[in-house]
Amino acid sequence: MNGDYYYAQRSQEALARAYVPFQIMNQVYSPSEALEKGTLFPELYRPYKVREVDIYGGGFNG
């Protein structure tokens, strides 16, 4: 009896909503370049920007 009540309560809550854009496969990397970049699709390649780290003072407390 209690299991049905809690299931009904949880089914009304929206925790998250996914957005997945439609992707058309226009071009792909060569196999060696895809292994180097970590993806086959150029549209998905987003490299991290390298920042200099200040070890004597910065974003850490302590």
N, C-alpha and C. Protein backbone atom coordinates (compact mmCIF):
# COMPACT_ATOMS: atom_id res chain seq x y z
N MET A 1 0.83 -1.19 0.00
CA MET A 1 0.00 0.00 0.00
C MET A 1 0.87 1.25 0.00
N ASN A 2 1.87 1.33 0.89
CA ASN A 2 2.72 2.51 0.93
C ASN A 2 3.58 2.65 -0.31
N GLY A 3 3.97 1.53 -0.91
CA GLY A 3 4.78 1.58 -2.12
C GLY A 3 4.06 2.28 -3.25
N ASP A 4 2.76 2.06 -3.39
CA ASP A 4 2.01 2.72 -4.45
C ASP A 4 1.92 4.22 -4.21
N TYR A 5 1.78 4.64 -2.96
CA TYR A 5 1.66 6.06 -2.64
C TYR A 5 2.96 6.80 -2.99
N TYR A 6 4.10 6.25 -2.60
CA TYR A 6 5.36 6.93 -2.87
C TYR A 6 5.68 6.94 -4.37
N TYR A 7 5.30 5.89 -5.09
CA TYR A 7 5.53 5.87 -6.52
C TYR A 7 4.70 6.95 -7.21
N ALA A 8 3.47 7.13 -6.78
CA ALA A 8 2.60 8.16 -7.37
C ALA A 8 3.16 9.55 -7.09
N GLN A 9 3.72 9.78 -5.92
CA GLN A 9 4.29 11.08 -5.58
C GLN A 9 5.52 11.37 -6.44
N ARG A 10 6.40 10.38 -6.63
CA ARG A 10 7.62 10.59 -7.39
C ARG A 10 7.34 10.78 -8.87
N SER A 11 6.30 10.16 -9.40
CA SER A 11 6.04 10.26 -10.83
C SER A 11 5.59 11.67 -11.22
N GLN A 12 5.17 12.49 -10.28
CA GLN A 12 4.72 13.85 -10.59
C GLN A 12 5.87 14.85 -10.59
N GLU A 13 7.00 14.51 -10.04
CA GLU A 13 8.14 15.44 -9.97
C GLU A 13 9.00 15.32 -11.22
N ALA A 14 9.44 16.46 -11.75
CA ALA A 14 10.35 16.45 -12.89
C ALA A 14 11.74 16.84 -12.38
N LEU A 15 12.66 15.89 -12.39
CA LEU A 15 13.99 16.14 -11.87
C LEU A 15 14.91 16.78 -12.90
N ALA A 16 14.76 16.39 -14.15
CA ALA A 16 15.64 16.91 -15.20
C ALA A 16 14.96 16.77 -16.54
N ARG A 17 15.46 17.52 -17.50
CA ARG A 17 14.95 17.42 -18.85
C ARG A 17 16.15 17.36 -19.80
N ALA A 18 16.18 16.36 -20.63
CA ALA A 18 17.30 16.18 -21.55
C ALA A 18 17.02 16.92 -22.86
N TYR A 19 18.09 17.48 -23.43
CA TYR A 19 18.00 18.12 -24.74
C TYR A 19 19.09 17.51 -25.60
N VAL A 20 18.68 16.81 -26.62
CA VAL A 20 19.63 16.17 -27.53
C VAL A 20 19.34 16.71 -28.93
N PRO A 21 20.20 17.59 -29.45
CA PRO A 21 19.94 18.13 -30.78
C PRO A 21 20.13 17.08 -31.87
N PHE A 22 19.39 17.20 -32.92
CA PHE A 22 19.51 16.29 -34.05
C PHE A 22 20.83 16.57 -34.75
N GLN A 23 21.60 15.54 -34.99
CA GLN A 23 22.93 15.69 -35.58
C GLN A 23 22.97 15.02 -36.94
N ILE A 24 23.46 15.76 -37.94
CA ILE A 24 23.64 15.21 -39.27
C ILE A 24 25.11 14.90 -39.46
N MET A 25 25.40 13.71 -39.93
CA MET A 25 26.79 13.32 -40.10
C MET A 25 27.32 13.88 -41.42
N ASN A 26 27.84 15.12 -41.37
CA ASN A 26 28.38 15.76 -42.57
C ASN A 26 29.78 15.26 -42.88
N GLN A 27 30.62 15.26 -41.87
CA GLN A 27 32.00 14.86 -42.07
C GLN A 27 32.50 14.14 -40.83
N VAL A 28 33.54 13.35 -41.00
CA VAL A 28 34.13 12.63 -39.88
C VAL A 28 35.65 12.74 -39.99
N TYR A 29 36.30 12.57 -38.83
CA TYR A 29 37.77 12.56 -38.81
C TYR A 29 38.27 11.22 -39.34
N SER A 30 39.52 11.20 -39.75
CA SER A 30 40.15 9.94 -40.11
C SER A 30 40.32 9.12 -38.83
N PRO A 31 40.46 7.81 -38.92
CA PRO A 31 40.58 6.99 -37.71
C PRO A 31 41.71 7.42 -36.78
N SER A 32 42.88 7.76 -37.32
CA SER A 32 43.99 8.17 -36.45
C SER A 32 43.71 9.51 -35.78
N GLU A 33 43.12 10.45 -36.53
CA GLU A 33 42.81 11.75 -35.94
C GLU A 33 41.68 11.64 -34.92
N ALA A 34 40.73 10.74 -35.16
CA ALA A 34 39.64 10.52 -34.21
C ALA A 34 40.16 9.96 -32.89
N LEU A 35 41.13 9.04 -32.95
CA LEU A 35 41.72 8.52 -31.72
C LEU A 35 42.48 9.60 -30.97
N GLU A 36 43.14 10.48 -31.70
CA GLU A 36 43.90 11.57 -31.06
C GLU A 36 42.98 12.58 -30.39
N LYS A 37 41.85 12.89 -31.03
CA LYS A 37 40.95 13.91 -30.50
C LYS A 37 39.86 13.36 -29.59
N GLY A 38 39.65 12.05 -29.64
CA GLY A 38 38.67 11.44 -28.75
C GLY A 38 37.25 11.42 -29.28
N THR A 39 37.04 11.80 -30.52
CA THR A 39 35.72 11.76 -31.13
C THR A 39 35.85 11.60 -32.63
N LEU A 40 34.85 11.01 -33.24
CA LEU A 40 34.84 10.82 -34.67
C LEU A 40 34.26 12.03 -35.39
N PHE A 41 33.45 12.82 -34.66
CA PHE A 41 32.71 13.91 -35.27
C PHE A 41 33.32 15.27 -34.94
N PRO A 42 33.66 16.07 -35.94
CA PRO A 42 34.22 17.41 -35.69
C PRO A 42 33.27 18.32 -34.91
N GLU A 43 31.96 18.13 -35.05
CA GLU A 43 31.00 18.97 -34.32
C GLU A 43 31.06 18.76 -32.82
N LEU A 44 31.55 17.59 -32.40
CA LEU A 44 31.61 17.28 -30.96
C LEU A 44 32.97 17.59 -30.34
N TYR A 45 33.93 17.99 -31.13
CA TYR A 45 35.27 18.23 -30.59
C TYR A 45 35.31 19.58 -29.89
N ARG A 46 35.49 19.57 -28.58
CA ARG A 46 35.59 20.78 -27.76
C ARG A 46 36.78 20.62 -26.82
N PRO A 47 37.96 21.04 -27.26
CA PRO A 47 39.13 20.86 -26.40
C PRO A 47 39.07 21.81 -25.20
N TYR A 48 39.66 21.38 -24.09
CA TYR A 48 39.75 22.21 -22.90
C TYR A 48 40.81 23.28 -23.10
N LYS A 49 40.54 24.46 -22.58
CA LYS A 49 41.53 25.53 -22.63
C LYS A 49 42.53 25.33 -21.50
N VAL A 50 43.80 25.44 -21.81
CA VAL A 50 44.85 25.25 -20.81
C VAL A 50 45.08 26.59 -20.12
N ARG A 51 45.01 26.56 -18.78
CA ARG A 51 45.25 27.77 -18.00
C ARG A 51 46.48 27.57 -17.13
N GLU A 52 47.18 28.65 -16.90
CA GLU A 52 48.32 28.57 -16.00
C GLU A 52 47.82 28.50 -14.57
N VAL A 53 48.49 27.71 -13.75
CA VAL A 53 48.09 27.53 -12.36
C VAL A 53 49.08 28.24 -11.47
N ASP A 54 48.56 29.08 -10.58
CA ASP A 54 49.39 29.79 -9.62
C ASP A 54 49.41 28.95 -8.35
N ILE A 55 50.55 28.31 -8.03
CA ILE A 55 50.61 27.42 -6.88
C ILE A 55 50.75 28.15 -5.55
N TYR A 56 51.04 29.45 -5.58
CA TYR A 56 51.24 30.20 -4.34
C TYR A 56 49.99 31.00 -3.92
N GLY A 57 48.98 30.95 -4.66
CA GLY A 57 47.76 31.66 -4.31
C GLY A 57 46.82 31.50 -5.47
N GLY A 58 45.61 31.15 -5.17
CA GLY A 58 44.70 30.92 -6.28
C GLY A 58 43.33 30.61 -5.75
N GLY A 59 42.69 29.67 -6.37
CA GLY A 59 41.33 29.36 -6.06
C GLY A 59 41.11 28.43 -4.90
N PHE A 60 42.16 27.97 -4.24
CA PHE A 60 42.00 27.01 -3.15
C PHE A 60 42.17 27.71 -1.81
N ASN A 61 41.35 27.34 -0.87
CA ASN A 61 41.46 27.86 0.49
C ASN A 61 42.06 26.77 1.36
N GLY A 62 43.14 27.11 2.04
CA GLY A 62 43.69 26.11 2.94
C GLY A 62 45.15 25.90 2.79
